Amino acid sequence: RQHFDVLHAMWAGEPGVLAGVAGKLLRVPVVVSLRGGELVGLPMIRYGLQLVTWSRVAVRVSLQLADAITVASSYMQRLCERYLHSTEKLELISNGVDLELFRPLGNHVDHSAKKILSVGSLTEVKNHAGLIYAMAKLIRLEPMLYLTIVGDGPLRGSLAKLASELGLTDKISFVGHVEHDLLSQYYSSADVLVLPSLHEGEGMVALEALACGTPIAGYPVGILPDLPVEVCRIATAGGITGLADAILSILRSNGAREEIRSRSREIAVARFSLESCTEMFLDLYHRLMNQKLPREKNHATD
């Protein structure tokens, strides 16, 4: 009933195939955004679209039919380049963070206790078990260390059991689900956000933490490798030891804590605002429209 200027599929796979076919039939340019596990297959945790034949085919068809492909991190960009004959249609555009909703609240108190925060669904790919094992190592070095896990999911019971078995019941709090607009309170009061995920397309919680002035530690996935070392410490070694070392590196930056928090907010404002990321998507849409339609027939994006 109404003309669309651009079709934008969030995630390759089925959404990308549907948008790609519709775009060809309607002669409308198509954008496919890679948001999650489309390009990976982690058999140990049964995660990723590359583990299933149909899904693998759907992802490849999505990428072939798309006029533009967006990724939110250089990590995903490198993964995507393996699937493309040419990188001309590949665009690096991060998903912006709401800087009004996520901002420093000034409720962080500098005292002897150190606070680690993890935010994410309690599923295998988020690797909370690895973080709990890292906590067991860190407690020996930093006895006044506490971990708050925000999020819910199928692994909550087994993770709580693991914490108990390691003698960490009084050191780890499972908060469960927290409304999105209340997360700033948790970010602002933490010394470090840990993103222990085995895979992330971007890792929005990292951007939300930065916007609240909270530094980050984790594995080299998602947006983390794109962040400066002064606000993000990445596990250089694999496994639990590498993660524990990255966390400890942030926690022992006491002399520069306020500078780190200020720098974290500064990076979020400069690079990841909703406005700047929206402008990048709009610019991409208009470039595609100009390629597909005579300039005099172009009109506002629907």
C-alpha atoms as a PDB file:
ATOM      1  CA  ARG A   1       0.000   0.000   0.000  1.00  0.00           C
ATOM      2  CA  GLN A   2       2.923   2.351   0.614  1.00  0.00           C
ATOM      3  CA  HIS A   3       6.374   2.578  -0.872  1.00  0.00           C
ATOM      4  CA  PHE A   4       9.381   1.926   1.354  1.00  0.00           C
ATOM      5  CA  ASP A   5      12.762   3.392   0.527  1.00  0.00           C
ATOM      6  CA  VAL A   6      14.868   0.836   2.395  1.00  0.00           C
ATOM      7  CA  LEU A   7      14.300  -2.543   4.033  1.00  0.00           C
ATOM      8  CA  HIS A   8      16.443  -3.141   7.120  1.00  0.00           C
ATOM      9  CA  ALA A   9      16.720  -6.641   8.560  1.00  0.00           C
ATOM     10  CA  MET A  10      17.936  -6.974  12.130  1.00  0.00           C
ATOM     11  CA  TRP A  11      20.006 -10.169  12.125  1.00  0.00           C
ATOM     12  CA  ALA A  12      21.017 -12.325   9.192  1.00  0.00           C
ATOM     13  CA  GLY A  13      19.371 -15.697   8.843  1.00  0.00           C
ATOM     14  CA  GLU A  14      15.607 -15.791   8.387  1.00  0.00           C
ATOM     15  CA  PRO A  15      15.047 -11.998   8.762  1.00  0.00           C
ATOM     16  CA  GLY A  16      17.842 -11.324   6.284  1.00  0.00           C
ATOM     17  CA  VAL A  17      16.513 -13.833   3.749  1.00  0.00           C
ATOM     18  CA  LEU A  18      12.971 -12.431   3.924  1.00  0.00           C
ATOM     19  CA  ALA A  19      14.183  -8.838   3.562  1.00  0.00           C
ATOM     20  CA  GLY A  20      16.581  -9.793   0.767  1.00  0.00           C
ATOM     21  CA  VAL A  21      13.916 -11.571  -1.304  1.00  0.00           C
ATOM     22  CA  ALA A  22      11.378  -8.810  -0.703  1.00  0.00           C
ATOM     23  CA  GLY A  23      13.948  -6.202  -1.671  1.00  0.00           C
ATOM     24  CA  LYS A  24      14.675  -7.909  -4.975  1.00  0.00           C
ATOM     25  CA  LEU A  25      10.959  -8.275  -5.777  1.00  0.00           C
ATOM     26  CA  LEU A  26      10.150  -4.680  -4.841  1.00  0.00           C
ATOM     27  CA  ARG A  27      13.416  -3.227  -6.159  1.00  0.00           C
ATOM     28  CA  VAL A  28      14.152  -1.693  -2.793  1.00  0.00           C
ATOM     29  CA  PRO A  29      17.669  -1.629  -1.282  1.00  0.00           C
ATOM     30  CA  VAL A  30      18.247  -3.927   1.696  1.00  0.00           C
ATOM     31  CA  VAL A  31      20.385  -3.493   4.797  1.00  0.00           C
ATOM     32  CA  VAL A  32      21.221  -6.504   6.969  1.00  0.00           C
ATOM     33  CA  SER A  33      22.625  -5.915  10.449  1.00  0.00           C
ATOM     34  CA  LEU A  34      24.623  -8.681  12.106  1.00  0.00           C
ATOM     35  CA  ARG A  35      23.652  -8.480  15.757  1.00  0.00           C
ATOM     36  CA  GLY A  36      24.432 -11.772  17.436  1.00  0.00           C
ATOM     37  CA  GLY A  37      25.642 -15.288  16.761  1.00  0.00           C
ATOM     38  CA  GLU A  38      25.063 -15.465  13.019  1.00  0.00           C
ATOM     39  CA  LEU A  39      28.726 -15.970  12.138  1.00  0.00           C
ATOM     40  CA  VAL A  40      29.840 -18.317  14.907  1.00  0.00           C
ATOM     41  CA  GLY A  41      29.328 -21.900  15.988  1.00  0.00           C
ATOM     42  CA  LEU A  42      30.328 -22.873  19.515  1.00  0.00           C
ATOM     43  CA  PRO A  43      29.516 -26.593  19.796  1.00  0.00           C
ATOM     44  CA  MET A  44      30.509 -26.903  23.473  1.00  0.00           C
ATOM     45  CA  ILE A  45      27.601 -24.647  24.439  1.00  0.00           C
ATOM     46  CA  ARG A  46      25.434 -25.272  21.356  1.00  0.00           C
ATOM     47  CA  TYR A  47      25.489 -21.611  20.398  1.00  0.00           C
ATOM     48  CA  GLY A  48      25.538 -19.923  16.991  1.00  0.00           C
ATOM     49  CA  LEU A  49      23.775 -20.201  13.646  1.00  0.00           C
ATOM     50  CA  GLN A  50      26.805 -21.857  12.047  1.00  0.00           C
ATOM     51  CA  LEU A  51      25.991 -25.081  13.890  1.00  0.00           C
ATOM     52  CA  VAL A  52      22.876 -25.802  11.787  1.00  0.00           C
ATOM     53  CA  THR A  53      22.968 -26.372   8.027  1.00  0.00           C
ATOM     54  CA  TRP A  54      19.779 -24.426   7.257  1.00  0.00           C
ATOM     55  CA  SER A  55      20.952 -21.503   9.373  1.00  0.00           C
ATOM     56  CA  ARG A  56      24.372 -21.469   7.712  1.00  0.00           C
ATOM     57  CA  VAL A  57      22.736 -21.328   4.293  1.00  0.00           C
ATOM     58  CA  ALA A  58      20.292 -18.626   5.406  1.00  0.00           C
ATOM     59  CA  VAL A  59      23.118 -16.446   6.717  1.00  0.00           C
ATOM     60  CA  ARG A  60      25.073 -16.741   3.471  1.00  0.00           C
ATOM     61  CA  VAL A  61      21.986 -15.991   1.367  1.00  0.00           C
ATOM     62  CA  SER A  62      21.252 -12.961   3.566  1.00  0.00           C
ATOM     63  CA  LEU A  63      24.735 -11.577   3.026  1.00  0.00           C
ATOM     64  CA  GLN A  64      24.588 -12.193  -0.722  1.00  0.00           C
ATOM     65  CA  LEU A  65      21.208 -10.498  -1.172  1.00  0.00           C
ATOM     66  CA  ALA A  66      21.993  -7.484   1.025  1.00  0.00           C
ATOM     67  CA  ASP A  67      22.992  -4.192  -0.573  1.00  0.00           C
ATOM     68  CA  ALA A  68      24.691  -3.180   2.672  1.00  0.00           C
ATOM     69  CA  ILE A  69      25.758  -5.120   5.762  1.00  0.00           C
ATOM     70  CA  THR A  70      26.317  -3.438   9.097  1.00  0.00           C
ATOM     71  CA  VAL A  71      28.278  -4.674  12.078  1.00  0.00           C
ATOM     72  CA  ALA A  72      28.699  -2.941  15.414  1.00  0.00           C
ATOM     73  CA  SER A  73      32.316  -3.838  16.202  1.00  0.00           C
ATOM     74  CA  SER A  74      35.619  -4.515  14.481  1.00  0.00           C
ATOM     75  CA  TYR A  75      35.466  -8.009  15.998  1.00  0.00           C
ATOM     76  CA  MET A  76      32.287  -8.713  13.997  1.00  0.00           C
ATOM     77  CA  GLN A  77      33.772  -6.976  10.987  1.00  0.00           C
ATOM     78  CA  ARG A  78      36.664  -9.438  10.926  1.00  0.00           C
ATOM     79  CA  LEU A  79      34.268 -12.372  11.238  1.00  0.00           C
ATOM     80  CA  CYS A  80      32.089 -11.042   8.428  1.00  0.00           C
ATOM     81  CA  GLU A  81      34.996 -10.482   6.038  1.00  0.00           C
ATOM     82  CA  ARG A  82      35.522 -14.256   5.913  1.00  0.00           C
ATOM     83  CA  TYR A  83      32.096 -14.641   4.300  1.00  0.00           C
ATOM     84  CA  LEU A  84      32.344 -11.885   1.677  1.00  0.00           C
ATOM     85  CA  HIS A  85      34.114 -11.776  -1.682  1.00  0.00           C
ATOM     86  CA  SER A  86      34.311  -8.004  -1.325  1.00  0.00           C
ATOM     87  CA  THR A  87      34.030  -5.738   1.720  1.00  0.00           C
ATOM     88  CA  GLU A  88      32.589  -2.812  -0.244  1.00  0.00           C
ATOM     89  CA  LYS A  89      29.104  -3.237   1.205  1.00  0.00           C
ATOM     90  CA  LEU A  90      30.299  -3.774   4.781  1.00  0.00           C
ATOM     91  CA  GLU A  91      29.706  -0.866   7.187  1.00  0.00           C
ATOM     92  CA  LEU A  92      30.885  -0.461  10.785  1.00  0.00           C
ATOM     93  CA  ILE A  93      28.091   1.312  12.686  1.00  0.00           C
ATOM     94  CA  SER A  94      27.724   0.837  16.418  1.00  0.00           C
ATOM     95  CA  ASN A  95      24.386   0.748  18.170  1.00  0.00           C
ATOM     96  CA  GLY A  96      24.079   3.946  20.166  1.00  0.00           C
ATOM     97  CA  VAL A  97      23.463   4.298  23.891  1.00  0.00           C
ATOM     98  CA  ASP A  98      20.971   6.650  25.532  1.00  0.00           C
ATOM     99  CA  LEU A  99      23.243   9.139  27.302  1.00  0.00           C
ATOM    100  CA  GLU A 100      20.377  10.658  29.267  1.00  0.00           C
ATOM    101  CA  LEU A 101      19.213   7.335  30.649  1.00  0.00           C
ATOM    102  CA  PHE A 102      22.730   6.035  31.231  1.00  0.00           C
ATOM    103  CA  ARG A 103      24.816   8.620  33.059  1.00  0.00           C
ATOM    104  CA  PRO A 104      26.944   8.784  36.217  1.00  0.00           C
ATOM    105  CA  LEU A 105      24.687   9.096  39.244  1.00  0.00           C
ATOM    106  CA  GLY A 106      27.418  10.025  41.702  1.00  0.00           C
ATOM    107  CA  ASN A 107      26.518   7.244  44.117  1.00  0.00           C
ATOM    108  CA  HIS A 108      29.894   5.507  43.981  1.00  0.00           C
ATOM    109  CA  VAL A 109      31.636   5.548  47.365  1.00  0.00           C
ATOM    110  CA  ASP A 110      35.366   4.944  47.477  1.00  0.00           C
ATOM    111  CA  HIS A 111      35.952   2.539  50.337  1.00  0.00           C
ATOM    112  CA  SER A 112      37.844  -0.661  50.986  1.00  0.00           C
ATOM    113  CA  ALA A 113      35.207  -2.922  49.400  1.00  0.00           C
ATOM    114  CA  LYS A 114      35.550  -3.442  45.654  1.00  0.00           C
ATOM    115  CA  LYS A 115      32.435  -4.031  43.561  1.00  0.00           C
ATOM    116  CA  ILE A 116      32.289  -6.120  40.410  1.00  0.00           C
ATOM    117  CA  LEU A 117      29.155  -6.015  38.264  1.00  0.00           C
ATOM    118  CA  SER A 118      27.948  -8.375  35.542  1.00  0.00           C
ATOM    119  CA  VAL A 119      24.803  -7.684  33.507  1.00  0.00           C
ATOM    120  CA  GLY A 120      23.370 -10.242  31.108  1.00  0.00           C
ATOM    121  CA  SER A 121      21.078 -13.200  30.634  1.00  0.00           C
ATOM    122  CA  LEU A 122      22.141 -16.293  32.538  1.00  0.00           C
ATOM    123  CA  THR A 123      22.942 -18.450  29.536  1.00  0.00           C
ATOM    124  CA  GLU A 124      25.999 -20.415  28.454  1.00  0.00           C
ATOM    125  CA  VAL A 125      27.379 -17.857  25.999  1.00  0.00           C
ATOM    126  CA  LYS A 126      27.482 -15.157  28.695  1.00  0.00           C
ATOM    127  CA  ASN A 127      29.913 -17.374  30.643  1.00  0.00           C
ATOM    128  CA  HIS A 128      28.953 -16.375  34.192  1.00  0.00           C
ATOM    129  CA  ALA A 129      30.450 -19.644  35.404  1.00  0.00           C
ATOM    130  CA  GLY A 130      33.846 -18.458  34.177  1.00  0.00           C
ATOM    131  CA  LEU A 131      33.382 -15.213  36.085  1.00  0.00           C
ATOM    132  CA  ILE A 132      32.490 -17.081  39.275  1.00  0.00           C
ATOM    133  CA  TYR A 133      35.638 -19.200  38.976  1.00  0.00           C
ATOM    134  CA  ALA A 134      37.632 -15.992  38.400  1.00  0.00           C
ATOM    135  CA  MET A 135      36.085 -14.596  41.581  1.00  0.00           C
ATOM    136  CA  ALA A 136      37.394 -17.584  43.518  1.00  0.00           C
ATOM    137  CA  LYS A 137      40.919 -16.686  42.375  1.00  0.00           C
ATOM    138  CA  LEU A 138      40.501 -12.962  43.011  1.00  0.00           C
ATOM    139  CA  ILE A 139      39.194 -13.352  46.547  1.00  0.00           C
ATOM    140  CA  ARG A 140      42.593 -14.685  47.600  1.00  0.00           C
ATOM    141  CA  LEU A 141      44.158 -11.407  46.466  1.00  0.00           C
ATOM    142  CA  GLU A 142      41.305  -9.000  47.259  1.00  0.00           C
ATOM    143  CA  PRO A 143      39.311 -10.358  50.229  1.00  0.00           C
ATOM    144  CA  MET A 144      36.940  -7.342  50.262  1.00  0.00           C
ATOM    145  CA  LEU A 145      35.619  -8.095  46.793  1.00  0.00           C
ATOM    146  CA  TYR A 146      31.937  -8.512  45.914  1.00  0.00           C
ATOM    147  CA  LEU A 147      30.175  -9.543  42.718  1.00  0.00           C
ATOM    148  CA  THR A 148      26.646  -8.541  41.736  1.00  0.00           C
ATOM    149  CA  ILE A 149      25.053 -10.451  38.860  1.00  0.00           C
ATOM    150  CA  VAL A 150      22.096  -8.712  37.226  1.00  0.00           C
ATOM    151  CA  GLY A 151      19.977 -10.832  34.919  1.00  0.00           C
ATOM    152  CA  ASP A 152      17.977 -14.016  34.847  1.00  0.00           C
ATOM    153  CA  GLY A 153      17.882 -17.174  32.808  1.00  0.00           C
ATOM    154  CA  PRO A 154      17.952 -20.974  32.799  1.00  0.00           C
ATOM    155  CA  LEU A 155      21.357 -21.233  34.505  1.00  0.00           C
ATOM    156  CA  ARG A 156      20.502 -19.275  37.635  1.00  0.00           C
ATOM    157  CA  GLY A 157      20.121 -22.361  39.823  1.00  0.00           C
ATOM    158  CA  SER A 158      23.332 -24.032  38.659  1.00  0.00           C
ATOM    159  CA  LEU A 159      25.306 -20.780  38.973  1.00  0.00           C
ATOM    160  CA  ALA A 160      24.074 -20.248  42.538  1.00  0.00           C
ATOM    161  CA  LYS A 161      25.077 -23.840  43.315  1.00  0.00           C
ATOM    162  CA  LEU A 162      28.549 -23.260  41.861  1.00  0.00           C
ATOM    163  CA  ALA A 163      28.986 -20.130  43.991  1.00  0.00           C
ATOM    164  CA  SER A 164      28.019 -22.144  47.074  1.00  0.00           C
ATOM    165  CA  GLU A 165      30.402 -24.977  46.228  1.00  0.00           C
ATOM    166  CA  LEU A 166      33.272 -22.494  45.894  1.00  0.00           C
ATOM    167  CA  GLY A 167      32.423 -20.881  49.234  1.00  0.00           C
ATOM    168  CA  LEU A 168      31.350 -17.608  47.621  1.00  0.00           C
ATOM    169  CA  THR A 169      27.748 -17.376  48.814  1.00  0.00           C
ATOM    170  CA  ASP A 170      28.469 -14.241  50.851  1.00  0.00           C
ATOM    171  CA  LYS A 171      30.516 -12.704  48.023  1.00  0.00           C
ATOM    172  CA  ILE A 172      28.079 -13.055  45.096  1.00  0.00           C
ATOM    173  CA  SER A 173      24.586 -11.586  44.834  1.00  0.00           C
ATOM    174  CA  PHE A 174      22.115 -12.787  42.184  1.00  0.00           C
ATOM    175  CA  VAL A 175      19.790  -9.825  41.719  1.00  0.00           C
ATOM    176  CA  GLY A 176      17.678 -11.265  38.907  1.00  0.00           C
ATOM    177  CA  HIS A 177      15.894  -9.125  36.348  1.00  0.00           C
ATOM    178  CA  VAL A 178      16.225  -5.345  36.702  1.00  0.00           C
ATOM    179  CA  GLU A 179      14.193  -2.867  34.656  1.00  0.00           C
ATOM    180  CA  HIS A 180      16.292  -1.168  31.998  1.00  0.00           C
ATOM    181  CA  ASP A 181      15.793   2.336  33.361  1.00  0.00           C
ATOM    182  CA  LEU A 182      17.147   1.268  36.761  1.00  0.00           C
ATOM    183  CA  LEU A 183      20.429  -0.197  35.520  1.00  0.00           C
ATOM    184  CA  SER A 184      22.299   3.114  35.834  1.00  0.00           C
ATOM    185  CA  GLN A 185      22.209   2.707  39.601  1.00  0.00           C
ATOM    186  CA  TYR A 186      24.102  -0.576  39.338  1.00  0.00           C
ATOM    187  CA  TYR A 187      26.607   0.662  36.761  1.00  0.00           C
ATOM    188  CA  SER A 188      27.350   3.847  38.702  1.00  0.00           C
ATOM    189  CA  SER A 189      28.032   2.045  41.973  1.00  0.00           C
ATOM    190  CA  ALA A 190      30.380  -0.570  40.473  1.00  0.00           C
ATOM    191  CA  ASP A 191      34.167  -0.390  40.284  1.00  0.00           C
ATOM    192  CA  VAL A 192      34.199  -2.471  37.116  1.00  0.00           C
ATOM    193  CA  LEU A 193      31.723  -4.086  34.739  1.00  0.00           C
ATOM    194  CA  VAL A 194      32.875  -7.549  33.665  1.00  0.00           C
ATOM    195  CA  LEU A 195      31.722  -8.913  30.321  1.00  0.00           C
ATOM    196  CA  PRO A 196      32.878 -12.559  30.445  1.00  0.00           C
ATOM    197  CA  SER A 197      30.967 -13.554  27.289  1.00  0.00           C
ATOM    198  CA  LEU A 198      32.407 -16.077  24.880  1.00  0.00           C
ATOM    199  CA  HIS A 199      30.842 -14.110  22.010  1.00  0.00           C
ATOM    200  CA  GLU A 200      29.174 -10.719  21.586  1.00  0.00           C
ATOM    201  CA  GLY A 201      28.149  -8.870  18.456  1.00  0.00           C
ATOM    202  CA  GLU A 202      28.725  -5.621  20.316  1.00  0.00           C
ATOM    203  CA  GLY A 203      27.832  -5.878  23.994  1.00  0.00           C
ATOM    204  CA  MET A 204      25.417  -3.056  24.782  1.00  0.00           C
ATOM    205  CA  VAL A 205      26.029  -3.409  28.519  1.00  0.00           C
ATOM    206  CA  ALA A 206      29.616  -2.285  27.901  1.00  0.00           C
ATOM    207  CA  LEU A 207      28.416   0.946  26.289  1.00  0.00           C
ATOM    208  CA  GLU A 208      25.865   1.502  29.043  1.00  0.00           C
ATOM    209  CA  ALA A 209      28.574   1.042  31.657  1.00  0.00           C
ATOM    210  CA  LEU A 210      30.898   3.467  29.865  1.00  0.00           C
ATOM    211  CA  ALA A 211      28.135   6.071  29.744  1.00  0.00           C
ATOM    212  CA  CYS A 212      27.817   5.717  33.534  1.00  0.00           C
ATOM    213  CA  GLY A 213      31.552   6.178  33.974  1.00  0.00           C
ATOM    214  CA  THR A 214      32.313   2.537  34.732  1.00  0.00           C
ATOM    215  CA  PRO A 215      35.376   0.798  33.212  1.00  0.00           C
ATOM    216  CA  ILE A 216      35.177  -2.686  31.720  1.00  0.00           C
ATOM    217  CA  ALA A 217      37.043  -5.987  31.759  1.00  0.00           C
ATOM    218  CA  GLY A 218      36.442  -9.073  29.660  1.00  0.00           C
ATOM    219  CA  TYR A 219      37.474 -11.233  26.741  1.00  0.00           C
ATOM    220  CA  PRO A 220      38.309  -9.783  23.280  1.00  0.00           C
ATOM    221  CA  VAL A 221      34.807 -10.020  21.823  1.00  0.00           C
ATOM    222  CA  GLY A 222      32.239  -7.465  20.705  1.00  0.00           C
ATOM    223  CA  ILE A 223      33.093  -3.810  21.210  1.00  0.00           C
ATOM    224  CA  LEU A 224      35.781  -4.432  23.856  1.00  0.00           C
ATOM    225  CA  PRO A 225      38.782  -4.578  21.462  1.00  0.00           C
ATOM    226  CA  ASP A 226      37.689  -1.180  20.058  1.00  0.00           C
ATOM    227  CA  LEU A 227      37.932   0.582  23.428  1.00  0.00           C
ATOM    228  CA  PRO A 228      41.054   2.321  24.801  1.00  0.00           C
ATOM    229  CA  VAL A 229      43.074   0.412  27.360  1.00  0.00           C
ATOM    230  CA  GLU A 230      42.566   3.070  30.019  1.00  0.00           C
ATOM    231  CA  VAL A 231      38.855   2.218  30.232  1.00  0.00           C
ATOM    232  CA  CYS A 232      38.844  -1.432  29.157  1.00  0.00           C
ATOM    233  CA  ARG A 233      41.174  -4.255  30.123  1.00  0.00           C
ATOM    234  CA  ILE A 234      41.044  -7.363  27.956  1.00  0.00           C
ATOM    235  CA  ALA A 235      42.103 -10.842  28.999  1.00  0.00           C
ATOM    236  CA  THR A 236      45.369 -11.389  27.158  1.00  0.00           C
ATOM    237  CA  ALA A 237      45.562 -14.989  28.301  1.00  0.00           C
ATOM    238  CA  GLY A 238      42.752 -17.460  27.845  1.00  0.00           C
ATOM    239  CA  GLY A 239      40.597 -19.073  30.478  1.00  0.00           C
ATOM    240  CA  ILE A 240      39.951 -18.055  34.064  1.00  0.00           C
ATOM    241  CA  THR A 241      43.424 -16.679  34.780  1.00  0.00           C
ATOM    242  CA  GLY A 242      43.263 -14.203  31.908  1.00  0.00           C
ATOM    243  CA  LEU A 243      39.875 -12.915  32.995  1.00  0.00           C
ATOM    244  CA  ALA A 244      40.965 -12.590  36.629  1.00  0.00           C
ATOM    245  CA  ASP A 245      44.075 -10.662  35.580  1.00  0.00           C
ATOM    246  CA  ALA A 246      42.027  -8.228  33.478  1.00  0.00           C
ATOM    247  CA  ILE A 247      39.646  -7.571  36.371  1.00  0.00           C
ATOM    248  CA  LEU A 248      42.497  -7.109  38.834  1.00  0.00           C
ATOM    249  CA  SER A 249      44.196  -4.650  36.491  1.00  0.00           C
ATOM    250  CA  ILE A 250      41.156  -2.354  36.680  1.00  0.00           C
ATOM    251  CA  LEU A 251      40.619  -2.801  40.413  1.00  0.00           C
ATOM    252  CA  ARG A 252      44.191  -1.830  41.222  1.00  0.00           C
ATOM    253  CA  SER A 253      44.007   1.429  39.273  1.00  0.00           C
ATOM    254  CA  ASN A 254      42.948   3.202  42.466  1.00  0.00           C
ATOM    255  CA  GLY A 255      45.114   6.261  41.975  1.00  0.00           C
ATOM    256  CA  ALA A 256      43.436   7.055  38.668  1.00  0.00           C
ATOM    257  CA  ARG A 257      39.903   5.925  39.504  1.00  0.00           C
ATOM    258  CA  GLU A 258      38.184   9.283  38.975  1.00  0.00           C
ATOM    259  CA  GLU A 259      40.160   9.919  35.804  1.00  0.00           C
ATOM    260  CA  ILE A 260      39.122   6.505  34.485  1.00  0.00           C
ATOM    261  CA  ARG A 261      35.461   7.153  35.275  1.00  0.00           C
ATOM    262  CA  SER A 262      35.598  10.571  33.613  1.00  0.00           C
ATOM    263  CA  ARG A 263      37.344   9.134  30.551  1.00  0.00           C
ATOM    264  CA  SER A 264      34.764   6.333  30.274  1.00  0.00           C
ATOM    265  CA  ARG A 265      31.910   8.838  30.072  1.00  0.00           C
ATOM    266  CA  GLU A 266      33.878  10.985  27.639  1.00  0.00           C
ATOM    267  CA  ILE A 267      34.340   8.069  25.221  1.00  0.00           C
ATOM    268  CA  ALA A 268      30.659   7.139  25.371  1.00  0.00           C
ATOM    269  CA  VAL A 269      29.642  10.723  24.575  1.00  0.00           C
ATOM    270  CA  ALA A 270      32.156  11.129  21.762  1.00  0.00           C
ATOM    271  CA  ARG A 271      31.640   7.813  19.994  1.00  0.00           C
ATOM    272  CA  PHE A 272      28.420   6.084  20.984  1.00  0.00           C
ATOM    273  CA  SER A 273      25.597   8.590  21.344  1.00  0.00           C
ATOM    274  CA  LEU A 274      22.209   7.679  19.883  1.00  0.00           C
ATOM    275  CA  GLU A 275      22.343  10.808  17.748  1.00  0.00           C
ATOM    276  CA  SER A 276      25.679  10.056  16.089  1.00  0.00           C
ATOM    277  CA  CYS A 277      24.809   6.407  15.435  1.00  0.00           C
ATOM    278  CA  THR A 278      21.392   7.373  14.052  1.00  0.00           C
ATOM    279  CA  GLU A 279      23.047   9.815  11.669  1.00  0.00           C
ATOM    280  CA  MET A 280      25.329   7.071  10.392  1.00  0.00           C
ATOM    281  CA  PHE A 281      22.362   4.797   9.649  1.00  0.00           C
ATOM    282  CA  LEU A 282      20.455   7.614   7.959  1.00  0.00           C
ATOM    283  CA  ASP A 283      23.494   8.435   5.837  1.00  0.00           C
ATOM    284  CA  LEU A 284      23.692   4.786   4.776  1.00  0.00           C
ATOM    285  CA  TYR A 285      19.975   4.731   3.872  1.00  0.00           C
ATOM    286  CA  HIS A 286      20.285   7.836   1.721  1.00  0.00           C
ATOM    287  CA  ARG A 287      23.376   6.552  -0.043  1.00  0.00           C
ATOM    288  CA  LEU A 288      21.501   3.357  -0.938  1.00  0.00           C
ATOM    289  CA  MET A 289      18.465   5.317  -2.136  1.00  0.00           C
ATOM    290  CA  ASN A 290      20.645   7.470  -4.373  1.00  0.00           C
ATOM    291  CA  GLN A 291      22.215   4.371  -5.897  1.00  0.00           C
ATOM    292  CA  LYS A 292      18.875   2.723  -6.648  1.00  0.00           C
ATOM    293  CA  LEU A 293      16.627   5.631  -7.653  1.00  0.00           C
ATOM    294  CA  PRO A 294      17.043   8.744  -9.809  1.00  0.00           C
ATOM    295  CA  ARG A 295      17.834  11.667  -7.524  1.00  0.00           C
ATOM    296  CA  GLU A 296      14.723  13.640  -8.510  1.00  0.00           C
ATOM    297  CA  LYS A 297      12.475  10.751  -7.385  1.00  0.00           C
ATOM    298  CA  ASN A 298      14.029  10.338  -3.954  1.00  0.00           C
ATOM    299  CA  HIS A 299      11.942  11.388  -0.979  1.00  0.00           C
ATOM    300  CA  ALA A 300      12.054  11.209   2.798  1.00  0.00           C
ATOM    301  CA  THR A 301      12.920   7.857   4.292  1.00  0.00           C
ATOM    302  CA  ASP A 302       9.909   5.946   5.612  1.00  0.00           C
END
